[in-house]
Structures are given as C-alpha cells and as structure tokens.
Amino acid sequence: KDTRNHTVYPNEGYHITFSNKLALPGLNKTFSFIKSTLDASWYTPLIGFDTLVLGLHAFGGFVQGIGLGESSYSKIPYKELFHIGGDRTLRGFEFSQAGPSWAYANPLGGKEAICMNAELIFPFMGNRNMRIHLFYDTGCAWNTPKTDIIQQNMSQIRNDNFHMRHTIGIGLNMLSPQPMKISFGYKLDRNTKINEAASRFHIGVNSAF
C-alpha cells in the first residue's frame, strides 16, 4: 500500500510492502527456499508543509532453504540473499560490507537482514527541485549459507553474526538536469582493526524510500 503524496519528494503518507517467494523442493535439482521481506516508510512535515520533512524507513527479511536441510537440494540463489551496505541501505558502507564476507573482502550475503533509516529533508536555498538530507542509518545482514564451505574454511567467514552498524551523513537530492541523489556517510563504529574506511560517497537515483 502506498499513500505517499509524491514518489520522489513526499512530505506525508506511508508505503508498505510485504512480499514472499517460494521455490518448492523437487521442481529443480538446485534451489529450494522460502523468502519473506517487509519494507515500510513514513513521511510527515515538521515545519510548514514542505520546509522540513521527517522520513523514516525500515526493512527486514529472511530466507531459508527448505527440504533436506542445507543440502545440495536446498540451496539459496546468491541474488536472493541479503546485502546491507550501499546507497539504498546503509550509507557510508560499500555494497554488502555490513554483512557476511569472505576474509572481509568478498561479500557472501546473509539469510537474515534488518535496516533502518531516518532522514531530515529540506529545500536547498529555496530551490524546490533540490533538497538537502541529513540521515542516520543502521542495519546489518547475518547468517550466510554454509553449504559449499568446508569446515576447515569456516574461520575465513567474517561478520556472520548479528551486529548492527551505524552511520550518519549528509547529501543532496536533485530532479534536474538529472534525477540524482548524492550522499556522504560516516561510520560511527568504524573497525580500525581491519582498516575500514571511515566514510564513503554514494551517487544514485533520486527516489524516496
């Protein structure tokens, strides 16, 4: 359901989506899983009708292999796993950085994920086509499938447990000459032991959560 009054710059209303996917055992010899996600956002004006807007967004989901446990007949496709980190989830992190990875470098994806975002949005110098957004993001993915990982290599998996990461930042939204959203995110809990970068710029499509 979507009651937002604008697809890019809403100042009131909410959006909620609940989705499920099911791949039944026996239909193929590779994949068998069930996946559920919930995505919701809410917008309200704080000052005037369009001077200062608060936007809140939350996402959560899980995917699980079904059938004979985590066997070769109950694998989960990589694209169906959750990847937290990037301009649409956790700004300040690279894609999938706030989730399971192979030796902190190669993202594995998680079977469970949660992400929450809060934004304060206001016009840039009176220009209604350009907006500034101040944000706080938190979230993570965890519990990667281990079907194809042999026991001796389990120690190479990183960030596989539930551990919420946190960022703050600022950005610029614009509608013309190109719909674009530029964000700068700063990690509040940077892991210096693995030389995590303190911040990251993101450039993406200008759209509301």
C-alpha atoms as a PDB file:
ATOM      1  CA  LYS A   1       0.000   0.000   0.000  1.00  0.00           C
ATOM      2  CA  ASP A   2       1.284   3.456  -0.905  1.00  0.00           C
ATOM      3  CA  THR A   3      -0.283   6.692   0.357  1.00  0.00           C
ATOM      4  CA  ARG A   4       2.752   8.945  -0.211  1.00  0.00           C
ATOM      5  CA  ASN A   5       1.830  12.182  -1.994  1.00  0.00           C
ATOM      6  CA  HIS A   6       4.974  12.174  -4.191  1.00  0.00           C
ATOM      7  CA  THR A   7       7.267   9.415  -5.459  1.00  0.00           C
ATOM      8  CA  VAL A   8      10.478  11.458  -5.063  1.00  0.00           C
ATOM      9  CA  TYR A   9       9.756  14.228  -2.537  1.00  0.00           C
ATOM     10  CA  PRO A  10       6.889  13.019  -0.327  1.00  0.00           C
ATOM     11  CA  ASN A  11       6.054  15.073   2.731  1.00  0.00           C
ATOM     12  CA  GLU A  12       3.236  12.924   4.068  1.00  0.00           C
ATOM     13  CA  GLY A  13       1.911   9.400   3.781  1.00  0.00           C
ATOM     14  CA  TYR A  14       3.371   5.929   4.061  1.00  0.00           C
ATOM     15  CA  HIS A  15       4.405   2.983   1.918  1.00  0.00           C
ATOM     16  CA  ILE A  16       4.415  -0.654   2.984  1.00  0.00           C
ATOM     17  CA  THR A  17       5.253  -3.798   1.022  1.00  0.00           C
ATOM     18  CA  PHE A  18       5.169  -7.391   2.245  1.00  0.00           C
ATOM     19  CA  SER A  19       6.456  -9.996  -0.192  1.00  0.00           C
ATOM     20  CA  ASN A  20       7.102 -13.732  -0.252  1.00  0.00           C
ATOM     21  CA  LYS A  21       8.942 -16.074  -2.592  1.00  0.00           C
ATOM     22  CA  LEU A  22       8.756 -19.851  -2.600  1.00  0.00           C
ATOM     23  CA  ALA A  23      10.783 -22.388  -4.558  1.00  0.00           C
ATOM     24  CA  LEU A  24       9.381 -25.813  -3.792  1.00  0.00           C
ATOM     25  CA  PRO A  25      11.584 -28.902  -3.393  1.00  0.00           C
ATOM     26  CA  GLY A  26      11.574 -31.187  -6.404  1.00  0.00           C
ATOM     27  CA  LEU A  27      10.880 -28.510  -9.035  1.00  0.00           C
ATOM     28  CA  ASN A  28      14.592 -28.360  -9.803  1.00  0.00           C
ATOM     29  CA  LYS A  29      17.741 -30.054  -8.565  1.00  0.00           C
ATOM     30  CA  THR A  30      19.491 -26.920  -7.313  1.00  0.00           C
ATOM     31  CA  PHE A  31      17.325 -24.393  -5.468  1.00  0.00           C
ATOM     32  CA  SER A  32      14.657 -24.794  -2.804  1.00  0.00           C
ATOM     33  CA  PHE A  33      13.882 -21.904  -0.437  1.00  0.00           C
ATOM     34  CA  ILE A  34      11.313 -19.601   1.134  1.00  0.00           C
ATOM     35  CA  LYS A  35      11.887 -15.845   1.429  1.00  0.00           C
ATOM     36  CA  SER A  36       9.875 -13.100   3.165  1.00  0.00           C
ATOM     37  CA  THR A  37      10.545  -9.345   3.292  1.00  0.00           C
ATOM     38  CA  LEU A  38       8.825  -6.343   4.838  1.00  0.00           C
ATOM     39  CA  ASP A  39       9.611  -2.826   3.622  1.00  0.00           C
ATOM     40  CA  ALA A  40       7.941   0.269   5.124  1.00  0.00           C
ATOM     41  CA  SER A  41       8.430   4.040   5.073  1.00  0.00           C
ATOM     42  CA  TRP A  42       6.601   7.026   6.585  1.00  0.00           C
ATOM     43  CA  TYR A  43       6.826  10.772   5.937  1.00  0.00           C
ATOM     44  CA  THR A  44       5.496  13.756   7.865  1.00  0.00           C
ATOM     45  CA  PRO A  45       6.135  17.538   7.777  1.00  0.00           C
ATOM     46  CA  LEU A  46       7.798  19.005  10.870  1.00  0.00           C
ATOM     47  CA  ILE A  47       7.883  22.694   9.885  1.00  0.00           C
ATOM     48  CA  GLY A  48       5.320  24.081   7.436  1.00  0.00           C
ATOM     49  CA  PHE A  49       4.140  21.656   4.775  1.00  0.00           C
ATOM     50  CA  ASP A  50       7.392  21.310   2.844  1.00  0.00           C
ATOM     51  CA  THR A  51      10.025  23.252   4.812  1.00  0.00           C
ATOM     52  CA  LEU A  52      11.298  20.377   6.939  1.00  0.00           C
ATOM     53  CA  VAL A  53      10.186  16.769   6.410  1.00  0.00           C
ATOM     54  CA  LEU A  54      10.948  13.704   8.517  1.00  0.00           C
ATOM     55  CA  GLY A  55      11.262  10.401   6.676  1.00  0.00           C
ATOM     56  CA  LEU A  56      11.545   7.028   8.412  1.00  0.00           C
ATOM     57  CA  HIS A  57      12.241   3.717   6.670  1.00  0.00           C
ATOM     58  CA  ALA A  58      12.622   0.129   7.859  1.00  0.00           C
ATOM     59  CA  PHE A  59      13.400  -3.119   6.055  1.00  0.00           C
ATOM     60  CA  GLY A  60      13.640  -6.663   7.333  1.00  0.00           C
ATOM     61  CA  GLY A  61      13.698 -10.098   5.830  1.00  0.00           C
ATOM     62  CA  PHE A  62      14.790 -13.704   5.989  1.00  0.00           C
ATOM     63  CA  VAL A  63      15.382 -16.502   3.520  1.00  0.00           C
ATOM     64  CA  GLN A  64      15.719 -20.164   4.381  1.00  0.00           C
ATOM     65  CA  GLY A  65      16.480 -23.276   2.398  1.00  0.00           C
ATOM     66  CA  ILE A  66      13.742 -25.890   2.634  1.00  0.00           C
ATOM     67  CA  GLY A  67      13.815 -29.600   2.023  1.00  0.00           C
ATOM     68  CA  LEU A  68      16.582 -31.797   3.426  1.00  0.00           C
ATOM     69  CA  GLY A  69      18.321 -29.108   5.461  1.00  0.00           C
ATOM     70  CA  GLU A  70      21.208 -27.264   3.861  1.00  0.00           C
ATOM     71  CA  SER A  71      21.863 -29.961   1.283  1.00  0.00           C
ATOM     72  CA  SER A  72      22.644 -29.729  -2.404  1.00  0.00           C
ATOM     73  CA  TYR A  73      18.877 -29.804  -2.990  1.00  0.00           C
ATOM     74  CA  SER A  74      18.041 -26.822  -0.778  1.00  0.00           C
ATOM     75  CA  LYS A  75      20.443 -24.107  -1.904  1.00  0.00           C
ATOM     76  CA  ILE A  76      19.536 -20.420  -1.926  1.00  0.00           C
ATOM     77  CA  PRO A  77      20.457 -18.362  -5.032  1.00  0.00           C
ATOM     78  CA  TYR A  78      23.071 -15.712  -4.295  1.00  0.00           C
ATOM     79  CA  LYS A  79      20.793 -12.922  -5.586  1.00  0.00           C
ATOM     80  CA  GLU A  80      18.131 -13.931  -3.035  1.00  0.00           C
ATOM     81  CA  LEU A  81      20.491 -13.391  -0.093  1.00  0.00           C
ATOM     82  CA  PHE A  82      20.552 -10.031   1.711  1.00  0.00           C
ATOM     83  CA  HIS A  83      23.272  -7.451   1.203  1.00  0.00           C
ATOM     84  CA  ILE A  84      23.374  -4.497   3.602  1.00  0.00           C
ATOM     85  CA  GLY A  85      25.633  -1.596   2.693  1.00  0.00           C
ATOM     86  CA  GLY A  86      25.375   0.957  -0.099  1.00  0.00           C
ATOM     87  CA  ASP A  87      23.300   3.964  -1.139  1.00  0.00           C
ATOM     88  CA  ARG A  88      19.894   2.236  -0.700  1.00  0.00           C
ATOM     89  CA  THR A  89      20.554   0.502   2.626  1.00  0.00           C
ATOM     90  CA  LEU A  90      23.449   1.607   4.854  1.00  0.00           C
ATOM     91  CA  ARG A  91      25.217   4.685   3.527  1.00  0.00           C
ATOM     92  CA  GLY A  92      28.871   5.057   4.493  1.00  0.00           C
ATOM     93  CA  PHE A  93      29.463   1.367   3.728  1.00  0.00           C
ATOM     94  CA  GLU A  94      30.347  -0.295   0.464  1.00  0.00           C
ATOM     95  CA  PHE A  95      27.901  -2.769  -1.067  1.00  0.00           C
ATOM     96  CA  SER A  96      27.268  -5.678   1.344  1.00  0.00           C
ATOM     97  CA  GLN A  97      30.044  -4.511   3.707  1.00  0.00           C
ATOM     98  CA  ALA A  98      27.726  -4.682   6.751  1.00  0.00           C
ATOM     99  CA  GLY A  99      27.206  -8.412   6.393  1.00  0.00           C
ATOM    100  CA  PRO A 100      28.947 -11.760   5.946  1.00  0.00           C
ATOM    101  CA  SER A 101      32.046 -11.739   3.791  1.00  0.00           C
ATOM    102  CA  TRP A 102      34.965 -13.960   2.904  1.00  0.00           C
ATOM    103  CA  ALA A 103      38.008 -12.586   4.750  1.00  0.00           C
ATOM    104  CA  TYR A 104      36.492  -9.043   4.861  1.00  0.00           C
ATOM    105  CA  ALA A 105      36.754  -8.719   1.100  1.00  0.00           C
ATOM    106  CA  ASN A 106      34.236 -10.772  -0.873  1.00  0.00           C
ATOM    107  CA  PRO A 107      30.551 -10.410   0.096  1.00  0.00           C
ATOM    108  CA  LEU A 108      28.724 -13.646   0.788  1.00  0.00           C
ATOM    109  CA  GLY A 109      25.241 -12.356   1.619  1.00  0.00           C
ATOM    110  CA  GLY A 110      23.136 -13.258   4.644  1.00  0.00           C
ATOM    111  CA  LYS A 111      19.957 -15.239   5.228  1.00  0.00           C
ATOM    112  CA  GLU A 112      18.647 -12.557   7.596  1.00  0.00           C
ATOM    113  CA  ALA A 113      18.780  -8.759   7.487  1.00  0.00           C
ATOM    114  CA  ILE A 114      17.434  -5.603   9.077  1.00  0.00           C
ATOM    115  CA  CYS A 115      17.951  -1.971   8.109  1.00  0.00           C
ATOM    116  CA  MET A 116      16.504   1.330   9.376  1.00  0.00           C
ATOM    117  CA  ASN A 117      16.938   4.853   8.037  1.00  0.00           C
ATOM    118  CA  ALA A 118      15.905   8.291   9.311  1.00  0.00           C
ATOM    119  CA  GLU A 119      16.140  11.455   7.200  1.00  0.00           C
ATOM    120  CA  LEU A 120      15.511  15.159   7.705  1.00  0.00           C
ATOM    121  CA  ILE A 121      14.791  16.676   4.283  1.00  0.00           C
ATOM    122  CA  PHE A 122      14.558  20.384   3.398  1.00  0.00           C
ATOM    123  CA  PRO A 123      14.878  22.578   0.250  1.00  0.00           C
ATOM    124  CA  PHE A 124      18.330  23.732  -0.813  1.00  0.00           C
ATOM    125  CA  MET A 125      18.453  27.554  -0.710  1.00  0.00           C
ATOM    126  CA  GLY A 126      14.756  27.781  -1.532  1.00  0.00           C
ATOM    127  CA  ASN A 127      15.103  25.604  -4.634  1.00  0.00           C
ATOM    128  CA  ARG A 128      12.236  23.079  -4.508  1.00  0.00           C
ATOM    129  CA  ASN A 129      13.907  20.858  -7.131  1.00  0.00           C
ATOM    130  CA  MET A 130      16.951  20.384  -4.902  1.00  0.00           C
ATOM    131  CA  ARG A 131      16.846  19.098  -1.327  1.00  0.00           C
ATOM    132  CA  ILE A 132      19.338  18.500   1.444  1.00  0.00           C
ATOM    133  CA  HIS A 133      19.015  15.344   3.518  1.00  0.00           C
ATOM    134  CA  LEU A 134      20.584  14.653   6.906  1.00  0.00           C
ATOM    135  CA  PHE A 135      20.453  10.983   7.782  1.00  0.00           C
ATOM    136  CA  TYR A 136      21.100   8.260  10.322  1.00  0.00           C
ATOM    137  CA  ASP A 137      21.301   4.644   9.098  1.00  0.00           C
ATOM    138  CA  THR A 138      21.653   1.402  10.996  1.00  0.00           C
ATOM    139  CA  GLY A 139      21.483  -2.238   9.953  1.00  0.00           C
ATOM    140  CA  CYS A 140      23.241  -5.473   9.107  1.00  0.00           C
ATOM    141  CA  ALA A 141      22.898  -8.856   7.427  1.00  0.00           C
ATOM    142  CA  TRP A 142      23.997 -12.105   9.020  1.00  0.00           C
ATOM    143  CA  ASN A 143      23.975 -15.913   8.873  1.00  0.00           C
ATOM    144  CA  THR A 144      25.355 -16.798   5.446  1.00  0.00           C
ATOM    145  CA  PRO A 145      24.609 -20.255   3.954  1.00  0.00           C
ATOM    146  CA  LYS A 146      27.461 -22.661   4.535  1.00  0.00           C
ATOM    147  CA  THR A 147      26.511 -25.496   2.173  1.00  0.00           C
ATOM    148  CA  ASP A 148      29.605 -25.142  -0.014  1.00  0.00           C
ATOM    149  CA  ILE A 149      32.068 -24.061   2.699  1.00  0.00           C
ATOM    150  CA  ILE A 150      34.094 -26.889   4.164  1.00  0.00           C
ATOM    151  CA  GLN A 151      34.673 -26.964   7.935  1.00  0.00           C
ATOM    152  CA  GLN A 152      38.351 -26.066   7.692  1.00  0.00           C
ATOM    153  CA  ASN A 153      37.493 -22.769   5.995  1.00  0.00           C
ATOM    154  CA  MET A 154      34.828 -21.562   8.437  1.00  0.00           C
ATOM    155  CA  SER A 155      37.381 -19.273  10.120  1.00  0.00           C
ATOM    156  CA  GLN A 156      37.575 -17.214   6.908  1.00  0.00           C
ATOM    157  CA  ILE A 157      33.942 -16.054   7.241  1.00  0.00           C
ATOM    158  CA  ARG A 158      33.625 -12.576   8.751  1.00  0.00           C
ATOM    159  CA  ASN A 159      30.631 -10.575  10.082  1.00  0.00           C
ATOM    160  CA  ASP A 160      28.387 -13.639  10.171  1.00  0.00           C
ATOM    161  CA  ASN A 161      26.709 -12.785  13.475  1.00  0.00           C
ATOM    162  CA  PHE A 162      24.045 -10.186  14.234  1.00  0.00           C
ATOM    163  CA  HIS A 163      25.862  -6.876  14.749  1.00  0.00           C
ATOM    164  CA  MET A 164      24.116  -3.592  13.953  1.00  0.00           C
ATOM    165  CA  ARG A 165      26.317  -0.983  12.261  1.00  0.00           C
ATOM    166  CA  HIS A 166      25.651   2.769  12.428  1.00  0.00           C
ATOM    167  CA  THR A 167      26.300   5.763  10.182  1.00  0.00           C
ATOM    168  CA  ILE A 168      25.367   9.431   9.906  1.00  0.00           C
ATOM    169  CA  GLY A 169      25.698  11.741   6.943  1.00  0.00           C
ATOM    170  CA  ILE A 170      24.503  14.467   4.637  1.00  0.00           C
ATOM    171  CA  GLY A 171      23.512  14.554   1.000  1.00  0.00           C
ATOM    172  CA  LEU A 172      21.965  16.457  -1.882  1.00  0.00           C
ATOM    173  CA  ASN A 173      18.921  15.396  -3.916  1.00  0.00           C
ATOM    174  CA  MET A 174      18.077  16.896  -7.306  1.00  0.00           C
ATOM    175  CA  LEU A 175      15.468  16.447 -10.024  1.00  0.00           C
ATOM    176  CA  SER A 176      17.214  18.280 -12.865  1.00  0.00           C
ATOM    177  CA  PRO A 177      19.222  18.214 -15.026  1.00  0.00           C
ATOM    178  CA  GLN A 178      19.319  14.546 -13.899  1.00  0.00           C
ATOM    179  CA  PRO A 179      17.395  12.861 -11.049  1.00  0.00           C
ATOM    180  CA  MET A 180      20.287  12.156  -8.689  1.00  0.00           C
ATOM    181  CA  LYS A 181      20.939  11.544  -5.005  1.00  0.00           C
ATOM    182  CA  ILE A 182      24.431  12.212  -3.660  1.00  0.00           C
ATOM    183  CA  SER A 183      25.209  11.121  -0.104  1.00  0.00           C
ATOM    184  CA  PHE A 184      28.233  11.193   2.183  1.00  0.00           C
ATOM    185  CA  GLY A 185      28.092   8.661   5.020  1.00  0.00           C
ATOM    186  CA  TYR A 186      30.381   8.466   8.048  1.00  0.00           C
ATOM    187  CA  LYS A 187      30.733   5.290  10.138  1.00  0.00           C
ATOM    188  CA  LEU A 188      30.049   5.765  13.842  1.00  0.00           C
ATOM    189  CA  ASP A 189      31.574   2.371  14.691  1.00  0.00           C
ATOM    190  CA  ARG A 190      34.470   2.069  12.278  1.00  0.00           C
ATOM    191  CA  ASN A 191      36.510  -1.117  12.682  1.00  0.00           C
ATOM    192  CA  THR A 192      40.100   0.103  12.620  1.00  0.00           C
ATOM    193  CA  LYS A 193      41.456  -3.430  13.133  1.00  0.00           C
ATOM    194  CA  ILE A 194      40.569  -4.318   9.536  1.00  0.00           C
ATOM    195  CA  ASN A 195      41.328  -0.839   8.156  1.00  0.00           C
ATOM    196  CA  GLU A 196      37.726   0.042   7.339  1.00  0.00           C
ATOM    197  CA  ALA A 197      37.385   3.359   5.550  1.00  0.00           C
ATOM    198  CA  ALA A 198      35.808   5.982   7.820  1.00  0.00           C
ATOM    199  CA  SER A 199      33.394   7.263   5.170  1.00  0.00           C
ATOM    200  CA  ARG A 200      32.093   6.841   1.658  1.00  0.00           C
ATOM    201  CA  PHE A 201      30.388   8.880  -1.073  1.00  0.00           C
ATOM    202  CA  HIS A 202      27.365   7.444  -2.895  1.00  0.00           C
ATOM    203  CA  ILE A 203      25.722   8.547  -6.137  1.00  0.00           C
ATOM    204  CA  GLY A 204      22.397   7.010  -7.078  1.00  0.00           C
ATOM    205  CA  VAL A 205      18.911   7.617  -8.442  1.00  0.00           C
ATOM    206  CA  ASN A 206      16.866  10.238  -6.620  1.00  0.00           C
ATOM    207  CA  SER A 207      13.858   8.409  -5.213  1.00  0.00           C
ATOM    208  CA  ALA A 208      12.129   8.143  -1.852  1.00  0.00           C
ATOM    209  CA  PHE A 209      12.382   5.075   0.348  1.00  0.00           C
END
